[in-house]
Each structure stands twice: as C-alpha cells, then as structure tokens.
Amino acid sequence: MSPFPRDLTGTLAFQSDARSPLNPNGSIKLSTIDLSSGRVSSLNLAGDWNDEQPRWSPHGQRIAFKSSRSGSYNLYVMNADGTDVRRLTDHAGNDRLPDWKPR
C-alpha cells in the first residue's frame, strides 16, 4: 500500500533534520520524494551546515535554497539531483527566501 493517493505524480523537495550516520548532528538537509513511488533521495548530506527553503525552478531542473555552509546564510542553486551546487550571494549578512522570477 502506498503512503500517497494513487493519482499523485511529480517530485517534492523538502528539508529535514533527521539524524543519520551521514548527518549525526541533525543538521537541516534537503531531499526530494517521488510522489508516485514514495522514493526519497537525499541531496548534499555531507557537511555540518544547514540547507533550507528549497524552491524548484520553473522548468523543474534546478533547486534554489539558502545554506549556512559559508558561515552566514547565502543563496545557492543546484541541479535537481544535488549536483553542480553554486553560491549566488556572498556576504556576511543572512539571505533568505530564495524564489524564481517568471520569464
């Protein structure tokens, strides 16, 4: 029995502070879940920093998020599979609430 209604499709990005061998301190990390199968994929578990507030790009191939990996919170973007992480902002202030501008 699936934990989701049968007609759900797509992928949901979410944040979690679940502890695991790869995340022993319970840092906030990003994951995705396939809504048709319930399969969870973790994104960027390495490091003792927080990755938060995932936002899908309009075409669904990139995820914007905020992260404390540089000390303060800066905005980042990555591929939907967690690869090619790139920092977008770089200063001592804390940046929040990433979003995508429609074309």
PDB file of N, CA and C in Angstrom:
ATOM      1  N   MET A   1       0.839  -1.180   0.000  1.00  0.00           N
ATOM      2  CA  MET A   1       0.000   0.000   0.000  1.00  0.00           C
ATOM      3  C   MET A   1       0.885   1.245   0.000  1.00  0.00           C
ATOM      4  N   SER A   2       0.606   2.175  -0.872  1.00  0.00           N
ATOM      5  CA  SER A   2       1.375   3.413  -0.990  1.00  0.00           C
ATOM      6  C   SER A   2       0.934   4.398   0.089  1.00  0.00           C
ATOM      7  N   PRO A   3       1.890   5.197   0.620  1.00  0.00           N
ATOM      8  CA  PRO A   3       1.504   6.198   1.613  1.00  0.00           C
ATOM      9  C   PRO A   3       0.818   7.408   0.993  1.00  0.00           C
ATOM     10  N   PHE A   4       0.715   7.439  -0.326  1.00  0.00           N
ATOM     11  CA  PHE A   4       0.144   8.580  -1.039  1.00  0.00           C
ATOM     12  C   PHE A   4      -1.064   8.141  -1.857  1.00  0.00           C
ATOM     13  N   PRO A   5      -1.981   9.064  -2.141  1.00  0.00           N
ATOM     14  CA  PRO A   5      -3.074   8.731  -3.058  1.00  0.00           C
ATOM     15  C   PRO A   5      -2.508   8.291  -4.414  1.00  0.00           C
ATOM     16  N   ARG A   6      -3.176   7.404  -5.092  1.00  0.00           N
ATOM     17  CA  ARG A   6      -2.676   6.807  -6.335  1.00  0.00           C
ATOM     18  C   ARG A   6      -2.429   7.808  -7.458  1.00  0.00           C
ATOM     19  N   ASP A   7      -3.140   8.882  -7.527  1.00  0.00           N
ATOM     20  CA  ASP A   7      -3.044   9.791  -8.663  1.00  0.00           C
ATOM     21  C   ASP A   7      -1.950  10.846  -8.524  1.00  0.00           C
ATOM     22  N   LEU A   8      -1.198  10.824  -7.434  1.00  0.00           N
ATOM     23  CA  LEU A   8      -0.144  11.830  -7.267  1.00  0.00           C
ATOM     24  C   LEU A   8       1.036  11.534  -8.184  1.00  0.00           C
ATOM     25  N   THR A   9       1.577  12.579  -8.776  1.00  0.00           N
ATOM     26  CA  THR A   9       2.779  12.463  -9.592  1.00  0.00           C
ATOM     27  C   THR A   9       3.670  13.652  -9.289  1.00  0.00           C
ATOM     28  N   GLY A  10       4.892  13.590  -9.742  1.00  0.00           N
ATOM     29  CA  GLY A  10       5.820  14.693  -9.562  1.00  0.00           C
ATOM     30  C   GLY A  10       6.786  14.427  -8.428  1.00  0.00           C
ATOM     31  N   THR A  11       7.604  15.422  -8.163  1.00  0.00           N
ATOM     32  CA  THR A  11       8.628  15.321  -7.134  1.00  0.00           C
ATOM     33  C   THR A  11       8.528  16.523  -6.204  1.00  0.00           C
ATOM     34  N   LEU A  12       8.577  16.268  -4.920  1.00  0.00           N
ATOM     35  CA  LEU A  12       8.507  17.292  -3.892  1.00  0.00           C
ATOM     36  C   LEU A  12       9.889  17.462  -3.277  1.00  0.00           C
ATOM     37  N   ALA A  13      10.349  18.702  -3.137  1.00  0.00           N
ATOM     38  CA  ALA A  13      11.600  18.981  -2.429  1.00  0.00           C
ATOM     39  C   ALA A  13      11.241  19.400  -1.004  1.00  0.00           C
ATOM     40  N   PHE A  14      12.029  18.930  -0.019  1.00  0.00           N
ATOM     41  CA  PHE A  14      11.742  19.262   1.370  1.00  0.00           C
ATOM     42  C   PHE A  14      13.028  19.295   2.186  1.00  0.00           C
ATOM     43  N   GLN A  15      12.934  19.841   3.386  1.00  0.00           N
ATOM     44  CA  GLN A  15      14.074  19.883   4.303  1.00  0.00           C
ATOM     45  C   GLN A  15      13.760  19.037   5.528  1.00  0.00           C
ATOM     46  N   SER A  16      14.822  18.435   6.111  1.00  0.00           N
ATOM     47  CA  SER A  16      14.650  17.581   7.277  1.00  0.00           C
ATOM     48  C   SER A  16      15.897  17.649   8.147  1.00  0.00           C
ATOM     49  N   ASP A  17      15.699  17.517   9.461  1.00  0.00           N
ATOM     50  CA  ASP A  17      16.838  17.468  10.388  1.00  0.00           C
ATOM     51  C   ASP A  17      17.012  16.061  10.970  1.00  0.00           C
ATOM     52  N   ALA A  18      16.568  15.061  10.227  1.00  0.00           N
ATOM     53  CA  ALA A  18      16.697  13.671  10.689  1.00  0.00           C
ATOM     54  C   ALA A  18      18.169  13.301  10.845  1.00  0.00           C
ATOM     55  N   ARG A  19      18.496  12.678  11.968  1.00  0.00           N
ATOM     56  CA  ARG A  19      19.867  12.225  12.212  1.00  0.00           C
ATOM     57  C   ARG A  19      20.103  10.900  11.489  1.00  0.00           C
ATOM     58  N   SER A  20      21.330  10.741  11.000  1.00  0.00           N
ATOM     59  CA  SER A  20      21.726   9.512  10.318  1.00  0.00           C
ATOM     60  C   SER A  20      23.242   9.400  10.433  1.00  0.00           C
ATOM     61  N   PRO A  21      23.823   8.276  10.020  1.00  0.00           N
ATOM     62  CA  PRO A  21      25.288   8.172  10.041  1.00  0.00           C
ATOM     63  C   PRO A  21      25.961   9.280   9.225  1.00  0.00           C
ATOM     64  N   LEU A  22      25.327   9.727   8.150  1.00  0.00           N
ATOM     65  CA  LEU A  22      25.888  10.807   7.338  1.00  0.00           C
ATOM     66  C   LEU A  22      25.533  12.194   7.879  1.00  0.00           C
ATOM     67  N   ASN A  23      24.587  12.258   8.809  1.00  0.00           N
ATOM     68  CA  ASN A  23      24.152  13.528   9.396  1.00  0.00           C
ATOM     69  C   ASN A  23      23.989  13.356  10.914  1.00  0.00           C
ATOM     70  N   PRO A  24      25.090  13.059  11.628  1.00  0.00           N
ATOM     71  CA  PRO A  24      24.982  12.726  13.061  1.00  0.00           C
ATOM     72  C   PRO A  24      24.535  13.890  13.948  1.00  0.00           C
ATOM     73  N   ASN A  25      24.743  15.133  13.515  1.00  0.00           N
ATOM     74  CA  ASN A  25      24.368  16.293  14.339  1.00  0.00           C
ATOM     75  C   ASN A  25      22.961  16.797  14.055  1.00  0.00           C
ATOM     76  N   GLY A  26      22.273  16.187  13.128  1.00  0.00           N
ATOM     77  CA  GLY A  26      20.908  16.609  12.825  1.00  0.00           C
ATOM     78  C   GLY A  26      20.835  17.953  12.133  1.00  0.00           C
ATOM     79  N   SER A  27      21.834  18.262  11.297  1.00  0.00           N
ATOM     80  CA  SER A  27      21.773  19.490  10.507  1.00  0.00           C
ATOM     81  C   SER A  27      20.594  19.402   9.548  1.00  0.00           C
ATOM     82  N   ILE A  28      20.068  20.542   9.151  1.00  0.00           N
ATOM     83  CA  ILE A  28      18.942  20.560   8.222  1.00  0.00           C
ATOM     84  C   ILE A  28      19.473  20.302   6.817  1.00  0.00           C
ATOM     85  N   LYS A  29      18.956  19.282   6.158  1.00  0.00           N
ATOM     86  CA  LYS A  29      19.398  18.867   4.830  1.00  0.00           C
ATOM     87  C   LYS A  29      18.201  18.788   3.890  1.00  0.00           C
ATOM     88  N   LEU A  30      18.484  18.865   2.588  1.00  0.00           N
ATOM     89  CA  LEU A  30      17.438  18.818   1.573  1.00  0.00           C
ATOM     90  C   LEU A  30      17.315  17.422   0.985  1.00  0.00           C
ATOM     91  N   SER A  31      16.094  17.056   0.644  1.00  0.00           N
ATOM     92  CA  SER A  31      15.796  15.785  -0.008  1.00  0.00           C
ATOM     93  C   SER A  31      14.667  16.008  -0.996  1.00  0.00           C
ATOM     94  N   THR A  32      14.456  15.019  -1.850  1.00  0.00           N
ATOM     95  CA  THR A  32      13.288  15.008  -2.723  1.00  0.00           C
ATOM     96  C   THR A  32      12.551  13.694  -2.513  1.00  0.00           C
ATOM     97  N   ILE A  33      11.268  13.703  -2.830  1.00  0.00           N
ATOM     98  CA  ILE A  33      10.469  12.481  -2.764  1.00  0.00           C
ATOM     99  C   ILE A  33       9.636  12.374  -4.040  1.00  0.00           C
ATOM    100  N   ASP A  34       9.703  11.219  -4.680  1.00  0.00           N
ATOM    101  CA  ASP A  34       8.888  10.925  -5.853  1.00  0.00           C
ATOM    102  C   ASP A  34       7.496  10.565  -5.340  1.00  0.00           C
ATOM    103  N   LEU A  35       6.504  11.361  -5.691  1.00  0.00           N
ATOM    104  CA  LEU A  35       5.168  11.180  -5.127  1.00  0.00           C
ATOM    105  C   LEU A  35       4.444   9.946  -5.647  1.00  0.00           C
ATOM    106  N   SER A  36       4.851   9.413  -6.780  1.00  0.00           N
ATOM    107  CA  SER A  36       4.183   8.208  -7.284  1.00  0.00           C
ATOM    108  C   SER A  36       4.730   6.938  -6.634  1.00  0.00           C
ATOM    109  N   SER A  37       6.010   6.966  -6.201  1.00  0.00           N
ATOM    110  CA  SER A  37       6.607   5.751  -5.624  1.00  0.00           C
ATOM    111  C   SER A  37       6.938   5.885  -4.136  1.00  0.00           C
ATOM    112  N   GLY A  38       7.054   7.112  -3.637  1.00  0.00           N
ATOM    113  CA  GLY A  38       7.465   7.329  -2.250  1.00  0.00           C
ATOM    114  C   GLY A  38       8.969   7.266  -2.061  1.00  0.00           C
ATOM    115  N   ARG A  39       9.743   7.146  -3.147  1.00  0.00           N
ATOM    116  CA  ARG A  39      11.209   7.043  -3.071  1.00  0.00           C
ATOM    117  C   ARG A  39      11.804   8.397  -2.676  1.00  0.00           C
ATOM    118  N   VAL A  40      12.606   8.390  -1.598  1.00  0.00           N
ATOM    119  CA  VAL A  40      13.264   9.598  -1.097  1.00  0.00           C
ATOM    120  C   VAL A  40      14.716   9.594  -1.562  1.00  0.00           C
ATOM    121  N   SER A  41      15.177  10.729  -2.061  1.00  0.00           N
ATOM    122  CA  SER A  41      16.571  10.913  -2.466  1.00  0.00           C
ATOM    123  C   SER A  41      17.147  12.071  -1.673  1.00  0.00           C
ATOM    124  N   SER A  42      18.231  11.830  -0.956  1.00  0.00           N
ATOM    125  CA  SER A  42      18.889  12.872  -0.179  1.00  0.00           C
ATOM    126  C   SER A  42      19.809  13.686  -1.077  1.00  0.00           C
ATOM    127  N   LEU A  43      19.871  14.989  -0.821  1.00  0.00           N
ATOM    128  CA  LEU A  43      20.718  15.896  -1.586  1.00  0.00           C
ATOM    129  C   LEU A  43      21.761  16.509  -0.664  1.00  0.00           C
ATOM    130  N   ASN A  44      23.030  16.392  -0.985  1.00  0.00           N
ATOM    131  CA  ASN A  44      24.104  17.074  -0.254  1.00  0.00           C
ATOM    132  C   ASN A  44      24.105  16.807   1.245  1.00  0.00           C
ATOM    133  N   LEU A  45      24.263  15.545   1.651  1.00  0.00           N
ATOM    134  CA  LEU A  45      24.286  15.220   3.075  1.00  0.00           C
ATOM    135  C   LEU A  45      25.605  15.569   3.751  1.00  0.00           C
ATOM    136  N   ALA A  46      26.679  15.694   2.990  1.00  0.00           N
ATOM    137  CA  ALA A  46      27.992  15.969   3.592  1.00  0.00           C
ATOM    138  C   ALA A  46      28.010  17.374   4.201  1.00  0.00           C
ATOM    139  N   GLY A  47      28.757  17.518   5.286  1.00  0.00           N
ATOM    140  CA  GLY A  47      28.944  18.836   5.895  1.00  0.00           C
ATOM    141  C   GLY A  47      28.038  19.097   7.069  1.00  0.00           C
ATOM    142  N   ASP A  48      28.549  19.849   8.019  1.00  0.00           N
ATOM    143  CA  ASP A  48      27.801  20.198   9.227  1.00  0.00           C
ATOM    144  C   ASP A  48      27.241  21.615   9.096  1.00  0.00           C
ATOM    145  N   TRP A  49      26.415  21.810   8.091  1.00  0.00           N
ATOM    146  CA  TRP A  49      25.756  23.084   7.850  1.00  0.00           C
ATOM    147  C   TRP A  49      24.289  22.815   7.584  1.00  0.00           C
ATOM    148  N   ASN A  50      23.509  23.868   7.489  1.00  0.00           N
ATOM    149  CA  ASN A  50      22.083  23.751   7.216  1.00  0.00           C
ATOM    150  C   ASN A  50      21.775  24.198   5.793  1.00  0.00           C
ATOM    151  N   ASP A  51      21.047  23.376   5.048  1.00  0.00           N
ATOM    152  CA  ASP A  51      20.492  23.724   3.742  1.00  0.00           C
ATOM    153  C   ASP A  51      18.984  23.787   3.928  1.00  0.00           C
ATOM    154  N   GLU A  52      18.378  24.910   3.555  1.00  0.00           N
ATOM    155  CA  GLU A  52      16.960  25.120   3.859  1.00  0.00           C
ATOM    156  C   GLU A  52      16.222  25.803   2.707  1.00  0.00           C
ATOM    157  N   GLN A  53      14.909  25.825   2.801  1.00  0.00           N
ATOM    158  CA  GLN A  53      13.989  26.552   1.928  1.00  0.00           C
ATOM    159  C   GLN A  53      14.158  26.215   0.440  1.00  0.00           C
ATOM    160  N   PRO A  54      14.045  24.946   0.062  1.00  0.00           N
ATOM    161  CA  PRO A  54      14.196  24.599  -1.356  1.00  0.00           C
ATOM    162  C   PRO A  54      13.057  25.163  -2.199  1.00  0.00           C
ATOM    163  N   ARG A  55      13.410  25.650  -3.387  1.00  0.00           N
ATOM    164  CA  ARG A  55      12.429  26.180  -4.339  1.00  0.00           C
ATOM    165  C   ARG A  55      12.770  25.667  -5.737  1.00  0.00           C
ATOM    166  N   TRP A  56      11.822  24.985  -6.366  1.00  0.00           N
ATOM    167  CA  TRP A  56      12.026  24.462  -7.714  1.00  0.00           C
ATOM    168  C   TRP A  56      12.080  25.594  -8.730  1.00  0.00           C
ATOM    169  N   SER A  57      12.936  25.445  -9.726  1.00  0.00           N
ATOM    170  CA  SER A  57      12.944  26.382 -10.852  1.00  0.00           C
ATOM    171  C   SER A  57      11.680  26.151 -11.678  1.00  0.00           C
ATOM    172  N   PRO A  58      11.269  27.138 -12.479  1.00  0.00           N
ATOM    173  CA  PRO A  58      10.046  26.966 -13.273  1.00  0.00           C
ATOM    174  C   PRO A  58      10.086  25.751 -14.201  1.00  0.00           C
ATOM    175  N   HIS A  59      11.241  25.387 -14.716  1.00  0.00           N
ATOM    176  CA  HIS A  59      11.333  24.235 -15.617  1.00  0.00           C
ATOM    177  C   HIS A  59      11.575  22.932 -14.851  1.00  0.00           C
ATOM    178  N   GLY A  60      11.754  23.010 -13.524  1.00  0.00           N
ATOM    179  CA  GLY A  60      11.860  21.820 -12.679  1.00  0.00           C
ATOM    180  C   GLY A  60      13.190  21.088 -12.733  1.00  0.00           C
ATOM    181  N   GLN A  61      14.243  21.756 -13.197  1.00  0.00           N
ATOM    182  CA  GLN A  61      15.528  21.077 -13.294  1.00  0.00           C
ATOM    183  C   GLN A  61      16.561  21.588 -12.303  1.00  0.00           C
ATOM    184  N   ARG A  62      16.260  22.676 -11.604  1.00  0.00           N
ATOM    185  CA  ARG A  62      17.196  23.245 -10.630  1.00  0.00           C
ATOM    186  C   ARG A  62      16.417  23.556  -9.355  1.00  0.00           C
ATOM    187  N   ILE A  63      17.155  23.628  -8.251  1.00  0.00           N
ATOM    188  CA  ILE A  63      16.567  23.972  -6.956  1.00  0.00           C
ATOM    189  C   ILE A  63      17.386  25.106  -6.367  1.00  0.00           C
ATOM    190  N   ALA A  64      16.722  26.195  -5.985  1.00  0.00           N
ATOM    191  CA  ALA A  64      17.359  27.280  -5.253  1.00  0.00           C
ATOM    192  C   ALA A  64      17.135  27.011  -3.771  1.00  0.00           C
ATOM    193  N   PHE A  65      18.089  27.418  -2.934  1.00  0.00           N
ATOM    194  CA  PHE A  65      17.965  27.199  -1.491  1.00  0.00           C
ATOM    195  C   PHE A  65      18.898  28.139  -0.748  1.00  0.00           C
ATOM    196  N   LYS A  66      18.679  28.266   0.565  1.00  0.00           N
ATOM    197  CA  LYS A  66      19.621  29.006   1.402  1.00  0.00           C
ATOM    198  C   LYS A  66      20.444  27.999   2.183  1.00  0.00           C
ATOM    199  N   SER A  67      21.701  28.380   2.486  1.00  0.00           N
ATOM    200  CA  SER A  67      22.588  27.472   3.195  1.00  0.00           C
ATOM    201  C   SER A  67      23.536  28.249   4.079  1.00  0.00           C
ATOM    202  N   SER A  68      23.886  27.631   5.207  1.00  0.00           N
ATOM    203  CA  SER A  68      24.864  28.238   6.130  1.00  0.00           C
ATOM    204  C   SER A  68      26.257  27.667   5.890  1.00  0.00           C
ATOM    205  N   ARG A  69      26.484  27.000   4.773  1.00  0.00           N
ATOM    206  CA  ARG A  69      27.767  26.343   4.512  1.00  0.00           C
ATOM    207  C   ARG A  69      28.930  27.323   4.431  1.00  0.00           C
ATOM    208  N   SER A  70      28.679  28.605   4.225  1.00  0.00           N
ATOM    209  CA  SER A  70      29.759  29.599   4.172  1.00  0.00           C
ATOM    210  C   SER A  70      29.867  30.395   5.479  1.00  0.00           C
ATOM    211  N   GLY A  71      29.159  29.996   6.512  1.00  0.00           N
ATOM    212  CA  GLY A  71      29.177  30.698   7.797  1.00  0.00           C
ATOM    213  C   GLY A  71      27.866  31.415   8.030  1.00  0.00           C
ATOM    214  N   SER A  72      27.550  32.408   7.210  1.00  0.00           N
ATOM    215  CA  SER A  72      26.237  33.056   7.259  1.00  0.00           C
ATOM    216  C   SER A  72      25.360  32.412   6.190  1.00  0.00           C
ATOM    217  N   TYR A  73      24.075  32.730   6.199  1.00  0.00           N
ATOM    218  CA  TYR A  73      23.183  32.163   5.188  1.00  0.00           C
ATOM    219  C   TYR A  73      23.338  32.916   3.873  1.00  0.00           C
ATOM    220  N   ASN A  74      23.642  32.181   2.813  1.00  0.00           N
ATOM    221  CA  ASN A  74      23.712  32.709   1.458  1.00  0.00           C
ATOM    222  C   ASN A  74      22.787  31.883   0.572  1.00  0.00           C
ATOM    223  N   LEU A  75      22.479  32.413  -0.606  1.00  0.00           N
ATOM    224  CA  LEU A  75      21.621  31.704  -1.547  1.00  0.00           C
ATOM    225  C   LEU A  75      22.458  30.884  -2.509  1.00  0.00           C
ATOM    226  N   TYR A  76      21.956  29.694  -2.819  1.00  0.00           N
ATOM    227  CA  TYR A  76      22.631  28.745  -3.693  1.00  0.00           C
ATOM    228  C   TYR A  76      21.619  28.195  -4.698  1.00  0.00           C
ATOM    229  N   VAL A  77      22.144  27.552  -5.733  1.00  0.00           N
ATOM    230  CA  VAL A  77      21.325  26.830  -6.697  1.00  0.00           C
ATOM    231  C   VAL A  77      22.057  25.535  -7.042  1.00  0.00           C
ATOM    232  N   MET A  78      21.294  24.490  -7.336  1.00  0.00           N
ATOM    233  CA  MET A  78      21.885  23.196  -7.707  1.00  0.00           C
ATOM    234  C   MET A  78      20.959  22.492  -8.679  1.00  0.00           C
ATOM    235  N   ASN A  79      21.499  21.478  -9.353  1.00  0.00           N
ATOM    236  CA  ASN A  79      20.661  20.610 -10.179  1.00  0.00           C
ATOM    237  C   ASN A  79      19.699  19.853  -9.277  1.00  0.00           C
ATOM    238  N   ALA A  80      18.610  19.376  -9.847  1.00  0.00           N
ATOM    239  CA  ALA A  80      17.588  18.667  -9.067  1.00  0.00           C
ATOM    240  C   ALA A  80      18.107  17.403  -8.405  1.00  0.00           C
ATOM    241  N   ASP A  81      19.229  16.860  -8.885  1.00  0.00           N
ATOM    242  CA  ASP A  81      19.807  15.658  -8.276  1.00  0.00           C
ATOM    243  C   ASP A  81      20.880  15.987  -7.234  1.00  0.00           C
ATOM    244  N   GLY A  82      21.073  17.278  -6.923  1.00  0.00           N
ATOM    245  CA  GLY A  82      22.028  17.695  -5.897  1.00  0.00           C
ATOM    246  C   GLY A  82      23.416  18.005  -6.424  1.00  0.00           C
ATOM    247  N   THR A  83      23.646  17.869  -7.711  1.00  0.00           N
ATOM    248  CA  THR A  83      24.961  18.151  -8.286  1.00  0.00           C
ATOM    249  C   THR A  83      25.065  19.616  -8.707  1.00  0.00           C
ATOM    250  N   ASP A  84      26.274  20.037  -8.999  1.00  0.00           N
ATOM    251  CA  ASP A  84      26.568  21.375  -9.522  1.00  0.00           C
ATOM    252  C   ASP A  84      26.020  22.484  -8.612  1.00  0.00           C
ATOM    253  N   VAL A  85      26.401  22.429  -7.327  1.00  0.00           N
ATOM    254  CA  VAL A  85      25.991  23.455  -6.361  1.00  0.00           C
ATOM    255  C   VAL A  85      26.773  24.736  -6.633  1.00  0.00           C
ATOM    256  N   ARG A  86      26.059  25.857  -6.732  1.00  0.00           N
ATOM    257  CA  ARG A  86      26.697  27.147  -6.978  1.00  0.00           C
ATOM    258  C   ARG A  86      26.144  28.200  -6.017  1.00  0.00           C
ATOM    259  N   ARG A  87      27.071  28.942  -5.402  1.00  0.00           N
ATOM    260  CA  ARG A  87      26.655  30.020  -4.500  1.00  0.00           C
ATOM    261  C   ARG A  87      26.285  31.240  -5.338  1.00  0.00           C
ATOM    262  N   LEU A  88      25.159  31.868  -5.015  1.00  0.00           N
ATOM    263  CA  LEU A  88      24.694  33.043  -5.738  1.00  0.00           C
ATOM    264  C   LEU A  88      25.015  34.347  -5.018  1.00  0.00           C
ATOM    265  N   THR A  89      25.000  34.318  -3.686  1.00  0.00           N
ATOM    266  CA  THR A  89      25.318  35.520  -2.908  1.00  0.00           C
ATOM    267  C   THR A  89      26.516  35.218  -2.018  1.00  0.00           C
ATOM    268  N   ASP A  90      27.247  36.271  -1.638  1.00  0.00           N
ATOM    269  CA  ASP A  90      28.474  36.071  -0.865  1.00  0.00           C
ATOM    270  C   ASP A  90      28.772  37.322  -0.039  1.00  0.00           C
ATOM    271  N   HIS A  91      28.206  37.375   1.151  1.00  0.00           N
ATOM    272  CA  HIS A  91      28.490  38.474   2.075  1.00  0.00           C
ATOM    273  C   HIS A  91      28.151  38.035   3.497  1.00  0.00           C
ATOM    274  N   ALA A  92      28.459  38.866   4.460  1.00  0.00           N
ATOM    275  CA  ALA A  92      28.300  38.484   5.869  1.00  0.00           C
ATOM    276  C   ALA A  92      26.844  38.465   6.336  1.00  0.00           C
ATOM    277  N   GLY A  93      25.948  39.125   5.635  1.00  0.00           N
ATOM    278  CA  GLY A  93      24.539  39.134   6.023  1.00  0.00           C
ATOM    279  C   GLY A  93      23.883  37.792   5.745  1.00  0.00           C
ATOM    280  N   ASN A  94      22.701  37.594   6.299  1.00  0.00           N
ATOM    281  CA  ASN A  94      21.941  36.363   6.085  1.00  0.00           C
ATOM    282  C   ASN A  94      20.888  36.577   5.008  1.00  0.00           C
ATOM    283  N   ASP A  95      20.970  35.805   3.931  1.00  0.00           N
ATOM    284  CA  ASP A  95      19.987  35.859   2.850  1.00  0.00           C
ATOM    285  C   ASP A  95      18.971  34.753   3.050  1.00  0.00           C
ATOM    286  N   ARG A  96      17.721  35.043   2.703  1.00  0.00           N
ATOM    287  CA  ARG A  96      16.632  34.097   2.941  1.00  0.00           C
ATOM    288  C   ARG A  96      15.649  34.099   1.774  1.00  0.00           C
ATOM    289  N   LEU A  97      14.747  33.137   1.806  1.00  0.00           N
ATOM    290  CA  LEU A  97      13.590  33.039   0.917  1.00  0.00           C
ATOM    291  C   LEU A  97      13.944  33.106  -0.562  1.00  0.00           C
ATOM    292  N   PRO A  98      14.724  32.159  -1.051  1.00  0.00           N
ATOM    293  CA  PRO A  98      15.001  32.143  -2.499  1.00  0.00           C
ATOM    294  C   PRO A  98      13.727  31.922  -3.288  1.00  0.00           C
ATOM    295  N   ASP A  99      13.662  32.497  -4.455  1.00  0.00           N
ATOM    296  CA  ASP A  99      12.495  32.346  -5.312  1.00  0.00           C
ATOM    297  C   ASP A  99      12.935  32.542  -6.753  1.00  0.00           C
ATOM    298  N   TRP A 100      12.129  32.114  -7.682  1.00  0.00           N
ATOM    299  CA  TRP A 100      12.413  32.245  -9.108  1.00  0.00           C
ATOM    300  C   TRP A 100      11.487  33.273  -9.717  1.00  0.00           C
ATOM    301  N   LYS A 101      12.018  34.102 -10.559  1.00  0.00           N
ATOM    302  CA  LYS A 101      11.221  35.097 -11.266  1.00  0.00           C
ATOM    303  C   LYS A 101      10.684  34.466 -12.549  1.00  0.00           C
ATOM    304  N   PRO A 102       9.376  34.564 -12.790  1.00  0.00           N
ATOM    305  CA  PRO A 102       8.853  34.018 -14.040  1.00  0.00           C
ATOM    306  C   PRO A 102       9.433  34.762 -15.226  1.00  0.00           C
ATOM    307  N   ARG A 103       9.580  34.054 -16.341  1.00  0.00           N
ATOM    308  CA  ARG A 103      10.073  34.697 -17.567  1.00  0.00           C
ATOM    309  C   ARG A 103       9.004  35.498 -18.231  1.00  0.00           C
TER     310      ARG A 103
END
